[in-house]
Amino acid sequence: MSDVLSRLRSAPAKAVDSAEYGADFAREFEAASGVLWKLERAQHFDEGGLPSYLAMLEGDW
């Protein structure tokens, strides 16, 4: 594993709901300039009753 990924595994993190994540991402995206890389790590998603999420759970990609 690369040194960068090793350091990411020990970086502080907190669980947030989808509304908080979306608001934070929107703020950061608007403030960013140049190339934006979005790194996601060990996450659990539950999109509730969202039709596309339910379809994915049923294997309808």
N, C-alpha and C. Protein backbone atom coordinates (compact mmCIF):
# COMPACT_ATOMS: atom_id res chain seq x y z
N MET A 1 0.85 -1.18 0.00
CA MET A 1 0.00 0.00 0.00
C MET A 1 0.89 1.24 0.00
N SER A 2 0.47 2.23 -0.73
CA SER A 2 1.27 3.44 -0.81
C SER A 2 1.30 4.16 0.54
N ASP A 3 2.32 4.97 0.74
CA ASP A 3 2.44 5.74 1.96
C ASP A 3 1.26 6.68 2.15
N VAL A 4 0.77 7.27 1.05
CA VAL A 4 -0.36 8.20 1.14
C VAL A 4 -1.59 7.47 1.67
N LEU A 5 -1.89 6.31 1.12
CA LEU A 5 -3.07 5.56 1.58
C LEU A 5 -2.91 5.11 3.02
N SER A 6 -1.72 4.76 3.43
CA SER A 6 -1.48 4.38 4.82
C SER A 6 -1.79 5.55 5.75
N ARG A 7 -1.38 6.74 5.38
CA ARG A 7 -1.65 7.91 6.21
C ARG A 7 -3.14 8.23 6.24
N LEU A 8 -3.84 8.02 5.12
CA LEU A 8 -5.28 8.29 5.09
C LEU A 8 -6.04 7.39 6.05
N ARG A 9 -5.60 6.16 6.18
CA ARG A 9 -6.29 5.23 7.07
C ARG A 9 -6.27 5.70 8.52
N SER A 10 -5.28 6.48 8.90
CA SER A 10 -5.19 6.94 10.28
C SER A 10 -5.68 8.39 10.45
N ALA A 11 -6.19 8.98 9.39
CA ALA A 11 -6.68 10.36 9.46
C ALA A 11 -7.97 10.41 10.29
N PRO A 12 -8.18 11.48 11.04
CA PRO A 12 -9.42 11.59 11.82
C PRO A 12 -10.63 11.65 10.89
N ALA A 13 -11.72 11.08 11.33
CA ALA A 13 -12.94 11.06 10.52
C ALA A 13 -14.15 11.02 11.44
N LYS A 14 -15.30 11.40 10.91
CA LYS A 14 -16.54 11.28 11.67
C LYS A 14 -17.66 10.87 10.74
N ALA A 15 -18.65 10.20 11.29
CA ALA A 15 -19.81 9.79 10.51
C ALA A 15 -20.76 10.99 10.38
N VAL A 16 -21.29 11.19 9.19
CA VAL A 16 -22.26 12.26 8.95
C VAL A 16 -23.43 11.70 8.15
N ASP A 17 -24.59 12.31 8.30
CA ASP A 17 -25.74 11.88 7.50
C ASP A 17 -25.61 12.47 6.09
N SER A 18 -26.46 12.02 5.20
CA SER A 18 -26.33 12.44 3.79
C SER A 18 -26.55 13.94 3.61
N ALA A 19 -27.43 14.55 4.40
CA ALA A 19 -27.67 16.00 4.26
C ALA A 19 -26.42 16.79 4.67
N GLU A 20 -25.80 16.39 5.78
CA GLU A 20 -24.60 17.09 6.24
C GLU A 20 -23.45 16.88 5.25
N TYR A 21 -23.32 15.64 4.74
CA TYR A 21 -22.28 15.36 3.75
C TYR A 21 -22.49 16.21 2.50
N GLY A 22 -23.73 16.25 2.01
CA GLY A 22 -24.02 17.01 0.79
C GLY A 22 -23.73 18.49 0.95
N ALA A 23 -24.11 19.05 2.09
CA ALA A 23 -23.88 20.47 2.34
C ALA A 23 -22.38 20.76 2.42
N ASP A 24 -21.64 19.89 3.13
CA ASP A 24 -20.20 20.09 3.26
C ASP A 24 -19.51 19.95 1.90
N PHE A 25 -19.90 18.94 1.13
CA PHE A 25 -19.29 18.75 -0.18
C PHE A 25 -19.58 19.94 -1.09
N ALA A 26 -20.81 20.44 -1.06
CA ALA A 26 -21.17 21.59 -1.90
C ALA A 26 -20.32 22.81 -1.54
N ARG A 27 -20.14 23.06 -0.24
CA ARG A 27 -19.31 24.20 0.20
C ARG A 27 -17.87 24.04 -0.29
N GLU A 28 -17.31 22.86 -0.09
CA GLU A 28 -15.92 22.62 -0.50
C GLU A 28 -15.77 22.68 -2.01
N PHE A 29 -16.75 22.14 -2.75
CA PHE A 29 -16.70 22.14 -4.21
C PHE A 29 -16.72 23.56 -4.74
N GLU A 30 -17.59 24.39 -4.17
CA GLU A 30 -17.69 25.79 -4.61
C GLU A 30 -16.40 26.56 -4.32
N ALA A 31 -15.74 26.23 -3.22
CA ALA A 31 -14.52 26.94 -2.82
C ALA A 31 -13.28 26.45 -3.57
N ALA A 32 -13.37 25.27 -4.19
CA ALA A 32 -12.21 24.68 -4.86
C ALA A 32 -11.92 25.36 -6.18
N SER A 33 -10.65 25.33 -6.56
CA SER A 33 -10.27 25.79 -7.89
C SER A 33 -9.30 24.77 -8.47
N GLY A 34 -9.25 24.70 -9.77
CA GLY A 34 -8.37 23.73 -10.42
C GLY A 34 -9.00 22.34 -10.41
N VAL A 35 -8.15 21.33 -10.41
CA VAL A 35 -8.59 19.94 -10.44
C VAL A 35 -9.08 19.53 -9.06
N LEU A 36 -10.20 18.83 -9.02
CA LEU A 36 -10.76 18.36 -7.77
C LEU A 36 -10.74 16.83 -7.75
N TRP A 37 -10.10 16.26 -6.75
CA TRP A 37 -10.08 14.81 -6.57
C TRP A 37 -10.94 14.50 -5.36
N LYS A 38 -11.89 13.62 -5.50
CA LYS A 38 -12.78 13.24 -4.40
C LYS A 38 -12.41 11.83 -3.97
N LEU A 39 -11.88 11.70 -2.78
CA LEU A 39 -11.49 10.41 -2.23
C LEU A 39 -12.53 9.99 -1.20
N GLU A 40 -13.06 8.80 -1.36
CA GLU A 40 -14.01 8.28 -0.40
C GLU A 40 -13.38 7.08 0.28
N ARG A 41 -13.65 6.95 1.57
CA ARG A 41 -13.08 5.83 2.31
C ARG A 41 -14.17 5.15 3.11
N ALA A 42 -13.99 3.88 3.37
CA ALA A 42 -14.87 3.06 4.20
C ALA A 42 -16.18 3.75 4.59
N GLN A 43 -17.12 3.69 3.71
CA GLN A 43 -18.39 4.35 3.96
C GLN A 43 -19.53 3.35 3.89
N HIS A 44 -20.58 3.65 4.58
CA HIS A 44 -21.81 2.87 4.51
C HIS A 44 -22.91 3.81 4.01
N PHE A 45 -23.57 3.42 2.96
CA PHE A 45 -24.61 4.27 2.39
C PHE A 45 -25.98 3.65 2.63
N ASP A 46 -26.92 4.46 3.00
CA ASP A 46 -28.32 4.06 3.09
C ASP A 46 -29.14 5.23 2.58
N GLU A 47 -29.62 5.10 1.37
CA GLU A 47 -30.37 6.19 0.74
C GLU A 47 -31.86 6.07 0.99
N GLY A 48 -32.23 5.31 2.03
CA GLY A 48 -33.64 5.21 2.41
C GLY A 48 -34.52 4.72 1.28
N GLY A 49 -35.60 5.43 1.01
CA GLY A 49 -36.57 5.02 0.01
C GLY A 49 -36.34 5.60 -1.38
N LEU A 50 -35.13 6.13 -1.63
CA LEU A 50 -34.83 6.70 -2.94
C LEU A 50 -34.98 5.61 -4.01
N PRO A 51 -35.83 5.82 -5.02
CA PRO A 51 -36.11 4.77 -6.01
C PRO A 51 -34.85 4.18 -6.67
N SER A 52 -33.88 5.03 -7.03
CA SER A 52 -32.67 4.49 -7.68
C SER A 52 -31.86 3.63 -6.71
N TYR A 53 -31.85 3.98 -5.42
CA TYR A 53 -31.14 3.20 -4.42
C TYR A 53 -31.83 1.85 -4.22
N LEU A 54 -33.16 1.86 -4.13
CA LEU A 54 -33.90 0.61 -3.97
C LEU A 54 -33.71 -0.30 -5.18
N ALA A 55 -33.68 0.29 -6.37
CA ALA A 55 -33.44 -0.51 -7.58
C ALA A 55 -32.06 -1.15 -7.54
N MET A 56 -31.04 -0.40 -7.11
CA MET A 56 -29.69 -0.93 -7.02
C MET A 56 -29.66 -2.09 -6.03
N LEU A 57 -30.34 -1.95 -4.88
CA LEU A 57 -30.37 -3.03 -3.89
C LEU A 57 -30.99 -4.30 -4.47
N GLU A 58 -31.92 -4.13 -5.41
CA GLU A 58 -32.59 -5.27 -6.03
C GLU A 58 -31.80 -5.79 -7.24
N GLY A 59 -30.62 -5.22 -7.49
CA GLY A 59 -29.77 -5.68 -8.60
C GLY A 59 -30.06 -5.02 -9.92
N ASP A 60 -30.88 -3.99 -9.94
CA ASP A 60 -31.20 -3.27 -11.19
C ASP A 60 -30.23 -2.12 -11.35
N TRP A 61 -29.15 -2.37 -12.05
CA TRP A 61 -28.11 -1.35 -12.26
C TRP A 61 -28.47 -0.53 -13.47
